[in-house]
Amino acid sequence: MPKNLSALKKTQISLRNRARNKMYKSVIKTLTKKYIISLKQSKDINIYKSNLAAVYQKIDKAVKRGIMHKNTASRKKSLLAKLIKINITT
């Protein structure tokens, strides 16, 4: 346990930021799962695009806030786009 006030405050801030970062990542994972399930269940392209747009929006916001690196976000978005491409062709 830290003894001086600055170390104590730093610990509190890091715990707060960790919780916030976890929330963003959790929302991204949840939306990604919903998107994949929608690909398997329905054949409507509009549903695909709306779910994909929602995931993209959350990923971009996480990058803007410094929670996710831009290359990681780009990789995730690319994989999601490939899934829609594969699903449409089959």
C-alpha atoms as a PDB file:
ATOM      1  CA  MET A   1       0.000   0.000   0.000  1.00  0.00           C
ATOM      2  CA  PRO A   2       1.426   3.401  -0.953  1.00  0.00           C
ATOM      3  CA  LYS A   3       2.319   5.732   1.905  1.00  0.00           C
ATOM      4  CA  ASN A   4       2.493   9.171   0.345  1.00  0.00           C
ATOM      5  CA  LEU A   5      -0.501  11.004  -1.097  1.00  0.00           C
ATOM      6  CA  SER A   6       0.722  11.249  -4.684  1.00  0.00           C
ATOM      7  CA  ALA A   7       1.268   7.485  -4.916  1.00  0.00           C
ATOM      8  CA  LEU A   8      -2.147   6.872  -3.362  1.00  0.00           C
ATOM      9  CA  LYS A   9      -3.795   9.197  -5.873  1.00  0.00           C
ATOM     10  CA  LYS A  10      -1.925   7.563  -8.749  1.00  0.00           C
ATOM     11  CA  THR A  11      -3.215   4.154  -7.612  1.00  0.00           C
ATOM     12  CA  GLN A  12      -6.789   5.432  -7.450  1.00  0.00           C
ATOM     13  CA  ILE A  13      -6.526   6.996 -10.911  1.00  0.00           C
ATOM     14  CA  SER A  14      -5.061   3.843 -12.424  1.00  0.00           C
ATOM     15  CA  LEU A  15      -7.890   1.753 -10.962  1.00  0.00           C
ATOM     16  CA  ARG A  16     -10.471   4.209 -12.319  1.00  0.00           C
ATOM     17  CA  ASN A  17      -8.864   4.180 -15.766  1.00  0.00           C
ATOM     18  CA  ARG A  18      -8.591   0.397 -15.731  1.00  0.00           C
ATOM     19  CA  ALA A  19     -12.319   0.085 -15.059  1.00  0.00           C
ATOM     20  CA  ARG A  20     -13.115   2.567 -17.828  1.00  0.00           C
ATOM     21  CA  ASN A  21     -10.860   0.790 -20.311  1.00  0.00           C
ATOM     22  CA  LYS A  22     -12.398  -2.553 -19.411  1.00  0.00           C
ATOM     23  CA  MET A  23     -15.858  -1.137 -20.072  1.00  0.00           C
ATOM     24  CA  TYR A  24     -14.890   0.046 -23.559  1.00  0.00           C
ATOM     25  CA  LYS A  25     -13.271  -3.269 -24.446  1.00  0.00           C
ATOM     26  CA  SER A  26     -16.242  -5.198 -23.117  1.00  0.00           C
ATOM     27  CA  VAL A  27     -18.677  -3.191 -25.241  1.00  0.00           C
ATOM     28  CA  ILE A  28     -16.540  -3.802 -28.327  1.00  0.00           C
ATOM     29  CA  LYS A  29     -16.487  -7.549 -27.650  1.00  0.00           C
ATOM     30  CA  THR A  30     -20.241  -7.640 -27.057  1.00  0.00           C
ATOM     31  CA  LEU A  31     -21.033  -5.749 -30.258  1.00  0.00           C
ATOM     32  CA  THR A  32     -18.638  -7.970 -32.204  1.00  0.00           C
ATOM     33  CA  LYS A  33     -20.412 -11.067 -30.941  1.00  0.00           C
ATOM     34  CA  LYS A  34     -23.805  -9.597 -31.858  1.00  0.00           C
ATOM     35  CA  TYR A  35     -22.474  -8.806 -35.330  1.00  0.00           C
ATOM     36  CA  ILE A  36     -21.203 -12.366 -35.845  1.00  0.00           C
ATOM     37  CA  ILE A  37     -24.505 -13.820 -34.633  1.00  0.00           C
ATOM     38  CA  SER A  38     -26.416 -11.565 -37.039  1.00  0.00           C
ATOM     39  CA  LEU A  39     -24.232 -12.839 -39.881  1.00  0.00           C
ATOM     40  CA  LYS A  40     -25.185 -16.408 -39.038  1.00  0.00           C
ATOM     41  CA  GLN A  41     -28.894 -15.828 -38.467  1.00  0.00           C
ATOM     42  CA  SER A  42     -30.196 -13.384 -41.038  1.00  0.00           C
ATOM     43  CA  LYS A  43     -29.500 -12.696 -44.699  1.00  0.00           C
ATOM     44  CA  ASP A  44     -30.375  -8.997 -44.701  1.00  0.00           C
ATOM     45  CA  ILE A  45     -27.436  -6.833 -45.773  1.00  0.00           C
ATOM     46  CA  ASN A  46     -28.858  -3.752 -44.020  1.00  0.00           C
ATOM     47  CA  ILE A  47     -28.676  -5.523 -40.658  1.00  0.00           C
ATOM     48  CA  TYR A  48     -25.064  -6.478 -41.367  1.00  0.00           C
ATOM     49  CA  LYS A  49     -24.135  -2.915 -42.216  1.00  0.00           C
ATOM     50  CA  SER A  50     -25.862  -1.368 -39.219  1.00  0.00           C
ATOM     51  CA  ASN A  51     -24.197  -3.812 -36.807  1.00  0.00           C
ATOM     52  CA  LEU A  52     -20.836  -3.302 -38.501  1.00  0.00           C
ATOM     53  CA  ALA A  53     -21.214   0.472 -38.246  1.00  0.00           C
ATOM     54  CA  ALA A  54     -21.931   0.202 -34.527  1.00  0.00           C
ATOM     55  CA  VAL A  55     -18.810  -1.884 -33.941  1.00  0.00           C
ATOM     56  CA  TYR A  56     -16.691   0.475 -36.060  1.00  0.00           C
ATOM     57  CA  GLN A  57     -17.964   3.456 -34.093  1.00  0.00           C
ATOM     58  CA  LYS A  58     -17.005   1.933 -30.742  1.00  0.00           C
ATOM     59  CA  ILE A  59     -13.602   0.813 -32.018  1.00  0.00           C
ATOM     60  CA  ASP A  60     -12.851   4.282 -33.379  1.00  0.00           C
ATOM     61  CA  LYS A  61     -13.885   5.888 -30.101  1.00  0.00           C
ATOM     62  CA  ALA A  62     -11.609   3.520 -28.176  1.00  0.00           C
ATOM     63  CA  VAL A  63      -8.704   4.540 -30.418  1.00  0.00           C
ATOM     64  CA  LYS A  64      -9.514   8.207 -29.954  1.00  0.00           C
ATOM     65  CA  ARG A  65      -9.475   7.814 -26.179  1.00  0.00           C
ATOM     66  CA  GLY A  66      -6.205   5.875 -26.213  1.00  0.00           C
ATOM     67  CA  ILE A  67      -7.655   2.581 -25.045  1.00  0.00           C
ATOM     68  CA  MET A  68      -6.738   0.667 -28.176  1.00  0.00           C
ATOM     69  CA  HIS A  69      -3.800   1.119 -30.550  1.00  0.00           C
ATOM     70  CA  LYS A  70      -4.749   2.249 -34.047  1.00  0.00           C
ATOM     71  CA  ASN A  71      -3.163  -0.776 -35.719  1.00  0.00           C
ATOM     72  CA  THR A  72      -5.073  -3.143 -33.432  1.00  0.00           C
ATOM     73  CA  ALA A  73      -8.290  -1.336 -34.284  1.00  0.00           C
ATOM     74  CA  SER A  74      -7.497  -1.483 -37.976  1.00  0.00           C
ATOM     75  CA  ARG A  75      -6.860  -5.208 -37.744  1.00  0.00           C
ATOM     76  CA  LYS A  76     -10.149  -5.823 -35.931  1.00  0.00           C
ATOM     77  CA  LYS A  77     -12.096  -3.747 -38.441  1.00  0.00           C
ATOM     78  CA  SER A  78     -10.470  -5.563 -41.338  1.00  0.00           C
ATOM     79  CA  LEU A  79     -11.379  -8.969 -39.930  1.00  0.00           C
ATOM     80  CA  LEU A  80     -14.984  -7.870 -39.437  1.00  0.00           C
ATOM     81  CA  ALA A  81     -15.167  -6.600 -43.019  1.00  0.00           C
ATOM     82  CA  LYS A  82     -13.798  -9.906 -44.284  1.00  0.00           C
ATOM     83  CA  LEU A  83     -16.512 -11.783 -42.402  1.00  0.00           C
ATOM     84  CA  ILE A  84     -19.259  -9.854 -44.169  1.00  0.00           C
ATOM     85  CA  LYS A  85     -17.549 -10.452 -47.506  1.00  0.00           C
ATOM     86  CA  ILE A  86     -17.312 -14.201 -46.872  1.00  0.00           C
ATOM     87  CA  ASN A  87     -20.909 -14.387 -45.706  1.00  0.00           C
ATOM     88  CA  ILE A  88     -22.305 -12.596 -48.758  1.00  0.00           C
ATOM     89  CA  THR A  89     -20.469 -14.813 -51.235  1.00  0.00           C
ATOM     90  CA  THR A  90     -21.562 -18.080 -49.619  1.00  0.00           C
END
